[in-house]
Amino acid sequence: MLRFRDPSSIFSRRLRQAREDAGLSQKELGILAGLDPFVASTRINRYEQDVHAADLATASRLAKVLGVPLAYLYADNERLARMIKAFSALSAVEQDRLVKDIESQSETK
């Protein structure tokens, strides 16, 4: 049976993990993403606790500060999240080569 995960809870979990990996406090992340310093910690905490959902513009700023692609924050499984992160670290030439390799493999199946 296929189960769909709530995108906001996926975002919450990945945001927290990326923030911790970056070594940032909730307040630091919020301030770096352009949130008002007086509410930065509370806002990030509410995103991580899945109390509130970040709009797309805010999510994009958070991803940029954390050095992860926006898609990483919404990836619905761990393998895909790792692939998105690794792919984004490649040069454009390496990305193109990898995409071609994957596409050619899927065409032969």
PDB file of N, CA and C in Angstrom:
ATOM      1  N   MET A   1       0.840  -1.176   0.000  1.00  0.00           N
ATOM      2  CA  MET A   1       0.000   0.000   0.000  1.00  0.00           C
ATOM      3  C   MET A   1       0.887   1.242   0.000  1.00  0.00           C
ATOM      4  N   LEU A   2       0.588   2.161  -0.879  1.00  0.00           N
ATOM      5  CA  LEU A   2       1.361   3.392  -0.987  1.00  0.00           C
ATOM      6  C   LEU A   2       0.881   4.395   0.045  1.00  0.00           C
ATOM      7  N   ARG A   3       1.809   4.951   0.817  1.00  0.00           N
ATOM      8  CA  ARG A   3       1.434   5.973   1.788  1.00  0.00           C
ATOM      9  C   ARG A   3       2.108   7.274   1.400  1.00  0.00           C
ATOM     10  N   PHE A   4       1.319   8.330   1.376  1.00  0.00           N
ATOM     11  CA  PHE A   4       1.849   9.640   1.051  1.00  0.00           C
ATOM     12  C   PHE A   4       2.184  10.366   2.343  1.00  0.00           C
ATOM     13  N   ARG A   5       3.340  10.938   2.392  1.00  0.00           N
ATOM     14  CA  ARG A   5       3.752  11.693   3.566  1.00  0.00           C
ATOM     15  C   ARG A   5       3.329  13.141   3.403  1.00  0.00           C
ATOM     16  N   ASP A   6       2.994  13.749   4.504  1.00  0.00           N
ATOM     17  CA  ASP A   6       2.616  15.153   4.505  1.00  0.00           C
ATOM     18  C   ASP A   6       3.850  15.983   4.136  1.00  0.00           C
ATOM     19  N   PRO A   7       3.778  16.764   3.056  1.00  0.00           N
ATOM     20  CA  PRO A   7       4.945  17.550   2.644  1.00  0.00           C
ATOM     21  C   PRO A   7       5.469  18.483   3.729  1.00  0.00           C
ATOM     22  N   SER A   8       4.586  19.014   4.568  1.00  0.00           N
ATOM     23  CA  SER A   8       5.071  19.927   5.596  1.00  0.00           C
ATOM     24  C   SER A   8       5.892  19.194   6.644  1.00  0.00           C
ATOM     25  N   SER A   9       5.533  17.962   6.986  1.00  0.00           N
ATOM     26  CA  SER A   9       6.323  17.232   7.975  1.00  0.00           C
ATOM     27  C   SER A   9       7.668  16.811   7.394  1.00  0.00           C
ATOM     28  N   ILE A  10       7.697  16.530   6.099  1.00  0.00           N
ATOM     29  CA  ILE A  10       8.970  16.231   5.438  1.00  0.00           C
ATOM     30  C   ILE A  10       9.848  17.473   5.493  1.00  0.00           C
ATOM     31  N   PHE A  11       9.275  18.608   5.136  1.00  0.00           N
ATOM     32  CA  PHE A  11      10.007  19.867   5.174  1.00  0.00           C
ATOM     33  C   PHE A  11      10.533  20.134   6.575  1.00  0.00           C
ATOM     34  N   SER A  12       9.708  19.941   7.581  1.00  0.00           N
ATOM     35  CA  SER A  12      10.105  20.193   8.970  1.00  0.00           C
ATOM     36  C   SER A  12      11.316  19.358   9.361  1.00  0.00           C
ATOM     37  N   ARG A  13      11.259  18.082   9.048  1.00  0.00           N
ATOM     38  CA  ARG A  13      12.357  17.165   9.399  1.00  0.00           C
ATOM     39  C   ARG A  13      13.644  17.523   8.657  1.00  0.00           C
ATOM     40  N   ARG A  14      13.531  17.775   7.362  1.00  0.00           N
ATOM     41  CA  ARG A  14      14.730  18.088   6.574  1.00  0.00           C
ATOM     42  C   ARG A  14      15.308  19.449   6.947  1.00  0.00           C
ATOM     43  N   LEU A  15      14.447  20.424   7.255  1.00  0.00           N
ATOM     44  CA  LEU A  15      14.927  21.737   7.676  1.00  0.00           C
ATOM     45  C   LEU A  15      15.758  21.610   8.947  1.00  0.00           C
ATOM     46  N   ARG A  16      15.244  20.890   9.904  1.00  0.00           N
ATOM     47  CA  ARG A  16      15.976  20.714  11.165  1.00  0.00           C
ATOM     48  C   ARG A  16      17.319  20.026  10.927  1.00  0.00           C
ATOM     49  N   GLN A  17      17.310  18.960  10.118  1.00  0.00           N
ATOM     50  CA  GLN A  17      18.544  18.229   9.848  1.00  0.00           C
ATOM     51  C   GLN A  17      19.564  19.120   9.140  1.00  0.00           C
ATOM     52  N   ALA A  18      19.115  19.852   8.141  1.00  0.00           N
ATOM     53  CA  ALA A  18      20.035  20.727   7.400  1.00  0.00           C
ATOM     54  C   ALA A  18      20.575  21.833   8.304  1.00  0.00           C
ATOM     55  N   ARG A  19      19.728  22.365   9.173  1.00  0.00           N
ATOM     56  CA  ARG A  19      20.177  23.414  10.101  1.00  0.00           C
ATOM     57  C   ARG A  19      21.224  22.862  11.062  1.00  0.00           C
ATOM     58  N   GLU A  20      20.954  21.688  11.618  1.00  0.00           N
ATOM     59  CA  GLU A  20      21.914  21.084  12.541  1.00  0.00           C
ATOM     60  C   GLU A  20      23.220  20.742  11.819  1.00  0.00           C
ATOM     61  N   ASP A  21      23.119  20.226  10.594  1.00  0.00           N
ATOM     62  CA  ASP A  21      24.327  19.926   9.804  1.00  0.00           C
ATOM     63  C   ASP A  21      25.149  21.182   9.552  1.00  0.00           C
ATOM     64  N   ALA A  22      24.467  22.316   9.384  1.00  0.00           N
ATOM     65  CA  ALA A  22      25.152  23.584   9.130  1.00  0.00           C
ATOM     66  C   ALA A  22      25.692  24.210  10.416  1.00  0.00           C
ATOM     67  N   GLY A  23      25.310  23.660  11.558  1.00  0.00           N
ATOM     68  CA  GLY A  23      25.791  24.179  12.832  1.00  0.00           C
ATOM     69  C   GLY A  23      25.187  25.520  13.214  1.00  0.00           C
ATOM     70  N   LEU A  24      23.965  25.751  12.778  1.00  0.00           N
ATOM     71  CA  LEU A  24      23.297  27.024  13.066  1.00  0.00           C
ATOM     72  C   LEU A  24      22.207  26.841  14.116  1.00  0.00           C
ATOM     73  N   SER A  25      22.027  27.852  14.933  1.00  0.00           N
ATOM     74  CA  SER A  25      20.882  27.860  15.846  1.00  0.00           C
ATOM     75  C   SER A  25      19.650  28.263  15.044  1.00  0.00           C
ATOM     76  N   GLN A  26      18.495  28.062  15.615  1.00  0.00           N
ATOM     77  CA  GLN A  26      17.269  28.480  14.949  1.00  0.00           C
ATOM     78  C   GLN A  26      17.283  29.982  14.706  1.00  0.00           C
ATOM     79  N   LYS A  27      17.728  30.732  15.692  1.00  0.00           N
ATOM     80  CA  LYS A  27      17.772  32.189  15.558  1.00  0.00           C
ATOM     81  C   LYS A  27      18.746  32.611  14.457  1.00  0.00           C
ATOM     82  N   GLU A  28      19.938  32.004  14.442  1.00  0.00           N
ATOM     83  CA  GLU A  28      20.929  32.354  13.415  1.00  0.00           C
ATOM     84  C   GLU A  28      20.382  32.089  12.017  1.00  0.00           C
ATOM     85  N   LEU A  29      19.759  30.926  11.843  1.00  0.00           N
ATOM     86  CA  LEU A  29      19.203  30.590  10.534  1.00  0.00           C
ATOM     87  C   LEU A  29      18.144  31.607  10.126  1.00  0.00           C
ATOM     88  N   GLY A  30      17.244  31.911  11.041  1.00  0.00           N
ATOM     89  CA  GLY A  30      16.188  32.865  10.729  1.00  0.00           C
ATOM     90  C   GLY A  30      16.725  34.230  10.338  1.00  0.00           C
ATOM     91  N   ILE A  31      17.686  34.720  11.085  1.00  0.00           N
ATOM     92  CA  ILE A  31      18.267  36.033  10.794  1.00  0.00           C
ATOM     93  C   ILE A  31      18.974  36.018   9.441  1.00  0.00           C
ATOM     94  N   LEU A  32      19.767  34.968   9.182  1.00  0.00           N
ATOM     95  CA  LEU A  32      20.475  34.876   7.899  1.00  0.00           C
ATOM     96  C   LEU A  32      19.512  34.774   6.717  1.00  0.00           C
ATOM     97  N   ALA A  33      18.309  34.227   6.980  1.00  0.00           N
ATOM     98  CA  ALA A  33      17.301  34.096   5.916  1.00  0.00           C
ATOM     99  C   ALA A  33      16.431  35.343   5.797  1.00  0.00           C
ATOM    100  N   GLY A  34      16.742  36.369   6.583  1.00  0.00           N
ATOM    101  CA  GLY A  34      16.039  37.633   6.444  1.00  0.00           C
ATOM    102  C   GLY A  34      14.828  37.818   7.334  1.00  0.00           C
ATOM    103  N   LEU A  35      14.661  36.948   8.323  1.00  0.00           N
ATOM    104  CA  LEU A  35      13.542  37.116   9.246  1.00  0.00           C
ATOM    105  C   LEU A  35      13.885  38.178  10.292  1.00  0.00           C
ATOM    106  N   ASP A  36      12.878  38.796  10.838  1.00  0.00           N
ATOM    107  CA  ASP A  36      13.056  39.782  11.898  1.00  0.00           C
ATOM    108  C   ASP A  36      13.772  39.100  13.073  1.00  0.00           C
ATOM    109  N   PRO A  37      14.864  39.674  13.555  1.00  0.00           N
ATOM    110  CA  PRO A  37      15.625  39.046  14.649  1.00  0.00           C
ATOM    111  C   PRO A  37      14.797  38.756  15.901  1.00  0.00           C
ATOM    112  N   PHE A  38      13.757  39.529  16.137  1.00  0.00           N
ATOM    113  CA  PHE A  38      12.940  39.332  17.337  1.00  0.00           C
ATOM    114  C   PHE A  38      12.045  38.094  17.255  1.00  0.00           C
ATOM    115  N   VAL A  39      11.766  37.620  16.036  1.00  0.00           N
ATOM    116  CA  VAL A  39      10.899  36.441  15.885  1.00  0.00           C
ATOM    117  C   VAL A  39      11.596  35.289  15.166  1.00  0.00           C
ATOM    118  N   ALA A  40      12.854  35.471  14.794  1.00  0.00           N
ATOM    119  CA  ALA A  40      13.569  34.478  13.984  1.00  0.00           C
ATOM    120  C   ALA A  40      13.564  33.089  14.621  1.00  0.00           C
ATOM    121  N   SER A  41      13.934  33.005  15.881  1.00  0.00           N
ATOM    122  CA  SER A  41      14.008  31.715  16.559  1.00  0.00           C
ATOM    123  C   SER A  41      12.635  31.047  16.634  1.00  0.00           C
ATOM    124  N   THR A  42      11.635  31.812  16.990  1.00  0.00           N
ATOM    125  CA  THR A  42      10.282  31.269  17.113  1.00  0.00           C
ATOM    126  C   THR A  42       9.761  30.779  15.773  1.00  0.00           C
ATOM    127  N   ARG A  43       9.977  31.553  14.711  1.00  0.00           N
ATOM    128  CA  ARG A  43       9.495  31.147  13.379  1.00  0.00           C
ATOM    129  C   ARG A  43      10.144  29.850  12.933  1.00  0.00           C
ATOM    130  N   ILE A  44      11.476  29.759  13.066  1.00  0.00           N
ATOM    131  CA  ILE A  44      12.166  28.536  12.644  1.00  0.00           C
ATOM    132  C   ILE A  44      11.695  27.361  13.498  1.00  0.00           C
ATOM    133  N   ASN A  45      11.534  27.581  14.791  1.00  0.00           N
ATOM    134  CA  ASN A  45      11.047  26.524  15.671  1.00  0.00           C
ATOM    135  C   ASN A  45       9.675  26.032  15.215  1.00  0.00           C
ATOM    136  N   ARG A  46       8.809  26.939  14.841  1.00  0.00           N
ATOM    137  CA  ARG A  46       7.460  26.546  14.392  1.00  0.00           C
ATOM    138  C   ARG A  46       7.492  25.814  13.062  1.00  0.00           C
ATOM    139  N   TYR A  47       8.430  26.175  12.195  1.00  0.00           N
ATOM    140  CA  TYR A  47       8.591  25.415  10.946  1.00  0.00           C
ATOM    141  C   TYR A  47       9.082  24.010  11.269  1.00  0.00           C
ATOM    142  N   GLU A  48      10.056  23.909  12.151  1.00  0.00           N
ATOM    143  CA  GLU A  48      10.630  22.598  12.487  1.00  0.00           C
ATOM    144  C   GLU A  48       9.652  21.721  13.272  1.00  0.00           C
ATOM    145  N   GLN A  49       8.761  22.323  14.016  1.00  0.00           N
ATOM    146  CA  GLN A  49       7.763  21.566  14.776  1.00  0.00           C
ATOM    147  C   GLN A  49       6.503  21.299  13.947  1.00  0.00           C
ATOM    148  N   ASP A  50       6.487  21.760  12.712  1.00  0.00           N
ATOM    149  CA  ASP A  50       5.366  21.575  11.792  1.00  0.00           C
ATOM    150  C   ASP A  50       4.093  22.258  12.294  1.00  0.00           C
ATOM    151  N   VAL A  51       4.279  23.353  13.028  1.00  0.00           N
ATOM    152  CA  VAL A  51       3.150  24.150  13.503  1.00  0.00           C
ATOM    153  C   VAL A  51       2.708  25.110  12.397  1.00  0.00           C
ATOM    154  N   HIS A  52       3.688  25.666  11.692  1.00  0.00           N
ATOM    155  CA  HIS A  52       3.429  26.557  10.563  1.00  0.00           C
ATOM    156  C   HIS A  52       4.248  26.076   9.375  1.00  0.00           C
ATOM    157  N   ALA A  53       3.755  26.358   8.179  1.00  0.00           N
ATOM    158  CA  ALA A  53       4.473  26.008   6.958  1.00  0.00           C
ATOM    159  C   ALA A  53       5.121  27.267   6.383  1.00  0.00           C
ATOM    160  N   ALA A  54       6.339  27.119   5.928  1.00  0.00           N
ATOM    161  CA  ALA A  54       7.031  28.234   5.283  1.00  0.00           C
ATOM    162  C   ALA A  54       6.490  28.397   3.864  1.00  0.00           C
ATOM    163  N   ASP A  55       6.279  29.650   3.451  1.00  0.00           N
ATOM    164  CA  ASP A  55       5.884  29.865   2.061  1.00  0.00           C
ATOM    165  C   ASP A  55       7.098  29.580   1.174  1.00  0.00           C
ATOM    166  N   LEU A  56       6.870  29.499  -0.110  1.00  0.00           N
ATOM    167  CA  LEU A  56       7.929  29.107  -1.037  1.00  0.00           C
ATOM    168  C   LEU A  56       9.110  30.076  -1.015  1.00  0.00           C
ATOM    169  N   ALA A  57       8.830  31.363  -0.941  1.00  0.00           N
ATOM    170  CA  ALA A  57       9.922  32.352  -0.914  1.00  0.00           C
ATOM    171  C   ALA A  57      10.782  32.179   0.337  1.00  0.00           C
ATOM    172  N   THR A  58      10.144  31.965   1.473  1.00  0.00           N
ATOM    173  CA  THR A  58      10.896  31.764   2.716  1.00  0.00           C
ATOM    174  C   THR A  58      11.667  30.459   2.656  1.00  0.00           C
ATOM    175  N   ALA A  59      11.038  29.400   2.179  1.00  0.00           N
ATOM    176  CA  ALA A  59      11.712  28.103   2.052  1.00  0.00           C
ATOM    177  C   ALA A  59      12.937  28.225   1.141  1.00  0.00           C
ATOM    178  N   SER A  60      12.810  28.995   0.074  1.00  0.00           N
ATOM    179  CA  SER A  60      13.947  29.197  -0.841  1.00  0.00           C
ATOM    180  C   SER A  60      15.105  29.916  -0.150  1.00  0.00           C
ATOM    181  N   ARG A  61      14.780  30.933   0.648  1.00  0.00           N
ATOM    182  CA  ARG A  61      15.830  31.651   1.386  1.00  0.00           C
ATOM    183  C   ARG A  61      16.487  30.744   2.417  1.00  0.00           C
ATOM    184  N   LEU A  62      15.697  29.935   3.097  1.00  0.00           N
ATOM    185  CA  LEU A  62      16.253  29.008   4.087  1.00  0.00           C
ATOM    186  C   LEU A  62      17.194  28.007   3.408  1.00  0.00           C
ATOM    187  N   ALA A  63      16.763  27.460   2.284  1.00  0.00           N
ATOM    188  CA  ALA A  63      17.594  26.501   1.557  1.00  0.00           C
ATOM    189  C   ALA A  63      18.908  27.143   1.122  1.00  0.00           C
ATOM    190  N   LYS A  64      18.837  28.372   0.639  1.00  0.00           N
ATOM    191  CA  LYS A  64      20.044  29.069   0.193  1.00  0.00           C
ATOM    192  C   LYS A  64      21.019  29.255   1.353  1.00  0.00           C
ATOM    193  N   VAL A  65      20.512  29.708   2.497  1.00  0.00           N
ATOM    194  CA  VAL A  65      21.369  29.897   3.672  1.00  0.00           C
ATOM    195  C   VAL A  65      21.989  28.570   4.099  1.00  0.00           C
ATOM    196  N   LEU A  66      21.218  27.504   4.024  1.00  0.00           N
ATOM    197  CA  LEU A  66      21.697  26.189   4.458  1.00  0.00           C
ATOM    198  C   LEU A  66      22.581  25.504   3.428  1.00  0.00           C
ATOM    199  N   GLY A  67      22.637  26.063   2.231  1.00  0.00           N
ATOM    200  CA  GLY A  67      23.479  25.480   1.186  1.00  0.00           C
ATOM    201  C   GLY A  67      22.930  24.185   0.618  1.00  0.00           C
ATOM    202  N   VAL A  68      21.608  24.067   0.621  1.00  0.00           N
ATOM    203  CA  VAL A  68      20.979  22.881   0.046  1.00  0.00           C
ATOM    204  C   VAL A  68      19.980  23.321  -1.016  1.00  0.00           C
ATOM    205  N   PRO A  69      19.733  22.484  -2.015  1.00  0.00           N
ATOM    206  CA  PRO A  69      18.712  22.824  -3.003  1.00  0.00           C
ATOM    207  C   PRO A  69      17.331  22.820  -2.351  1.00  0.00           C
ATOM    208  N   LEU A  70      16.455  23.657  -2.829  1.00  0.00           N
ATOM    209  CA  LEU A  70      15.097  23.701  -2.306  1.00  0.00           C
ATOM    210  C   LEU A  70      14.443  22.315  -2.371  1.00  0.00           C
ATOM    211  N   ALA A  71      14.674  21.596  -3.436  1.00  0.00           N
ATOM    212  CA  ALA A  71      14.076  20.265  -3.603  1.00  0.00           C
ATOM    213  C   ALA A  71      14.483  19.313  -2.478  1.00  0.00           C
ATOM    214  N   TYR A  72      15.674  19.489  -1.934  1.00  0.00           N
ATOM    215  CA  TYR A  72      16.133  18.648  -0.824  1.00  0.00           C
ATOM    216  C   TYR A  72      15.172  18.747   0.359  1.00  0.00           C
ATOM    217  N   LEU A  73      14.689  19.940   0.638  1.00  0.00           N
ATOM    218  CA  LEU A  73      13.812  20.141   1.792  1.00  0.00           C
ATOM    219  C   LEU A  73      12.456  19.457   1.628  1.00  0.00           C
ATOM    220  N   TYR A  74      12.118  19.074   0.404  1.00  0.00           N
ATOM    221  CA  TYR A  74      10.823  18.442   0.144  1.00  0.00           C
ATOM    222  C   TYR A  74      10.944  16.988  -0.333  1.00  0.00           C
ATOM    223  N   ALA A  75      12.156  16.471  -0.427  1.00  0.00           N
ATOM    224  CA  ALA A  75      12.348  15.096  -0.912  1.00  0.00           C
ATOM    225  C   ALA A  75      11.667  14.117   0.032  1.00  0.00           C
ATOM    226  N   ASP A  76      10.839  13.239  -0.522  1.00  0.00           N
ATOM    227  CA  ASP A  76      10.019  12.385   0.334  1.00  0.00           C
ATOM    228  C   ASP A  76      10.667  11.065   0.747  1.00  0.00           C
ATOM    229  N   ASN A  77      11.918  10.850   0.364  1.00  0.00           N
ATOM    230  CA  ASN A  77      12.630   9.695   0.917  1.00  0.00           C
ATOM    231  C   ASN A  77      14.116  10.030   1.038  1.00  0.00           C
ATOM    232  N   GLU A  78      14.760   9.331   1.915  1.00  0.00           N
ATOM    233  CA  GLU A  78      16.146   9.646   2.251  1.00  0.00           C
ATOM    234  C   GLU A  78      17.091   9.473   1.065  1.00  0.00           C
ATOM    235  N   ARG A  79      16.895   8.443   0.276  1.00  0.00           N
ATOM    236  CA  ARG A  79      17.775   8.197  -0.876  1.00  0.00           C
ATOM    237  C   ARG A  79      17.694   9.352  -1.869  1.00  0.00           C
ATOM    238  N   LEU A  80      16.472   9.791  -2.147  1.00  0.00           N
ATOM    239  CA  LEU A  80      16.280  10.915  -3.062  1.00  0.00           C
ATOM    240  C   LEU A  80      16.906  12.190  -2.496  1.00  0.00           C
ATOM    241  N   ALA A  81      16.717  12.436  -1.213  1.00  0.00           N
ATOM    242  CA  ALA A  81      17.309  13.622  -0.579  1.00  0.00           C
ATOM    243  C   ALA A  81      18.831  13.602  -0.720  1.00  0.00           C
ATOM    244  N   ARG A  82      19.436  12.462  -0.476  1.00  0.00           N
ATOM    245  CA  ARG A  82      20.897  12.353  -0.608  1.00  0.00           C
ATOM    246  C   ARG A  82      21.340  12.584  -2.050  1.00  0.00           C
ATOM    247  N   MET A  83      20.567  12.054  -3.002  1.00  0.00           N
ATOM    248  CA  MET A  83      20.903  12.241  -4.418  1.00  0.00           C
ATOM    249  C   MET A  83      20.800  13.710  -4.819  1.00  0.00           C
ATOM    250  N   ILE A  84      19.767  14.389  -4.369  1.00  0.00           N
ATOM    251  CA  ILE A  84      19.597  15.802  -4.703  1.00  0.00           C
ATOM    252  C   ILE A  84      20.774  16.610  -4.175  1.00  0.00           C
ATOM    253  N   LYS A  85      21.146  16.333  -2.942  1.00  0.00           N
ATOM    254  CA  LYS A  85      22.261  17.062  -2.332  1.00  0.00           C
ATOM    255  C   LYS A  85      23.576  16.787  -3.066  1.00  0.00           C
ATOM    256  N   ALA A  86      23.839  15.536  -3.359  1.00  0.00           N
ATOM    257  CA  ALA A  86      25.070  15.170  -4.053  1.00  0.00           C
ATOM    258  C   ALA A  86      25.096  15.734  -5.474  1.00  0.00           C
ATOM    259  N   PHE A  87      23.974  15.654  -6.173  1.00  0.00           N
ATOM    260  CA  PHE A  87      23.871  16.161  -7.540  1.00  0.00           C
ATOM    261  C   PHE A  87      24.162  17.652  -7.591  1.00  0.00           C
ATOM    262  N   SER A  88      23.634  18.388  -6.616  1.00  0.00           N
ATOM    263  CA  SER A  88      23.820  19.846  -6.623  1.00  0.00           C
ATOM    264  C   SER A  88      25.275  20.247  -6.383  1.00  0.00           C
ATOM    265  N   ALA A  89      26.052  19.357  -5.801  1.00  0.00           N
ATOM    266  CA  ALA A  89      27.460  19.657  -5.542  1.00  0.00           C
ATOM    267  C   ALA A  89      28.336  19.456  -6.781  1.00  0.00           C
ATOM    268  N   LEU A  90      27.789  18.825  -7.819  1.00  0.00           N
ATOM    269  CA  LEU A  90      28.547  18.589  -9.048  1.00  0.00           C
ATOM    270  C   LEU A  90      28.563  19.833  -9.930  1.00  0.00           C
ATOM    271  N   SER A  91      29.552  19.897 -10.801  1.00  0.00           N
ATOM    272  CA  SER A  91      29.578  20.978 -11.787  1.00  0.00           C
ATOM    273  C   SER A  91      28.472  20.735 -12.816  1.00  0.00           C
ATOM    274  N   ALA A  92      28.149  21.746 -13.595  1.00  0.00           N
ATOM    275  CA  ALA A  92      27.115  21.608 -14.628  1.00  0.00           C
ATOM    276  C   ALA A  92      27.476  20.517 -15.632  1.00  0.00           C
ATOM    277  N   VAL A  93      28.751  20.440 -15.977  1.00  0.00           N
ATOM    278  CA  VAL A  93      29.200  19.410 -16.922  1.00  0.00           C
ATOM    279  C   VAL A  93      29.002  18.025 -16.320  1.00  0.00           C
ATOM    280  N   GLU A  94      29.372  17.869 -15.052  1.00  0.00           N
ATOM    281  CA  GLU A  94      29.199  16.574 -14.380  1.00  0.00           C
ATOM    282  C   GLU A  94      27.718  16.227 -14.228  1.00  0.00           C
ATOM    283  N   GLN A  95      26.894  17.223 -13.952  1.00  0.00           N
ATOM    284  CA  GLN A  95      25.458  16.987 -13.849  1.00  0.00           C
ATOM    285  C   GLN A  95      24.895  16.499 -15.175  1.00  0.00           C
ATOM    286  N   ASP A  96      25.273  17.166 -16.269  1.00  0.00           N
ATOM    287  CA  ASP A  96      24.797  16.758 -17.597  1.00  0.00           C
ATOM    288  C   ASP A  96      25.225  15.337 -17.921  1.00  0.00           C
ATOM    289  N   ARG A  97      26.465  15.008 -17.617  1.00  0.00           N
ATOM    290  CA  ARG A  97      26.987  13.669 -17.890  1.00  0.00           C
ATOM    291  C   ARG A  97      26.206  12.625 -17.082  1.00  0.00           C
ATOM    292  N   LEU A  98      25.963  12.905 -15.824  1.00  0.00           N
ATOM    293  CA  LEU A  98      25.232  11.972 -14.973  1.00  0.00           C
ATOM    294  C   LEU A  98      23.796  11.784 -15.453  1.00  0.00           C
ATOM    295  N   VAL A  99      23.139  12.867 -15.819  1.00  0.00           N
ATOM    296  CA  VAL A  99      21.767  12.764 -16.324  1.00  0.00           C
ATOM    297  C   VAL A  99      21.725  11.909 -17.591  1.00  0.00           C
ATOM    298  N   LYS A 100      22.663  12.136 -18.492  1.00  0.00           N
ATOM    299  CA  LYS A 100      22.711  11.334 -19.724  1.00  0.00           C
ATOM    300  C   LYS A 100      22.927   9.864 -19.407  1.00  0.00           C
ATOM    301  N   ASP A 101      23.831   9.574 -18.473  1.00  0.00           N
ATOM    302  CA  ASP A 101      24.080   8.183 -18.079  1.00  0.00           C
ATOM    303  C   ASP A 101      22.824   7.531 -17.507  1.00  0.00           C
ATOM    304  N   ILE A 102      22.143   8.231 -16.647  1.00  0.00           N
ATOM    305  CA  ILE A 102      20.931   7.689 -16.025  1.00  0.00           C
ATOM    306  C   ILE A 102      19.838   7.496 -17.067  1.00  0.00           C
ATOM    307  N   GLU A 103      19.679   8.485 -17.935  1.00  0.00           N
ATOM    308  CA  GLU A 103      18.652   8.365 -18.977  1.00  0.00           C
ATOM    309  C   GLU A 103      18.950   7.193 -19.914  1.00  0.00           C
ATOM    310  N   SER A 104      20.205   7.011 -20.273  1.00  0.00           N
ATOM    311  CA  SER A 104      20.542   5.899 -21.167  1.00  0.00           C
ATOM    312  C   SER A 104      20.316   4.546 -20.487  1.00  0.00           C
ATOM    313  N   GLN A 105      20.570   4.480 -19.188  1.00  0.00           N
ATOM    314  CA  GLN A 105      20.310   3.238 -18.452  1.00  0.00           C
ATOM    315  C   GLN A 105      18.825   2.945 -18.373  1.00  0.00           C
ATOM    316  N   SER A 106      18.022   3.965 -18.163  1.00  0.00           N
ATOM    317  CA  SER A 106      16.580   3.732 -18.046  1.00  0.00           C
ATOM    318  C   SER A 106      15.954   3.396 -19.391  1.00  0.00           C
ATOM    319  N   GLU A 107      16.555   3.844 -20.489  1.00  0.00           N
ATOM    320  CA  GLU A 107      16.039   3.537 -21.819  1.00  0.00           C
ATOM    321  C   GLU A 107      16.296   2.095 -22.205  1.00  0.00           C
ATOM    322  N   THR A 108      17.333   1.487 -21.660  1.00  0.00           N
ATOM    323  CA  THR A 108      17.669   0.098 -21.999  1.00  0.00           C
ATOM    324  C   THR A 108      16.873  -0.905 -21.196  1.00  0.00           C
ATOM    325  N   LYS A 109      16.112  -0.460 -20.225  1.00  0.00           N
ATOM    326  CA  LYS A 109      15.319  -1.385 -19.392  1.00  0.00           C
ATOM    327  C   LYS A 109      13.952  -1.611 -19.944  1.00  0.00           C
TER     328      LYS A 109
END
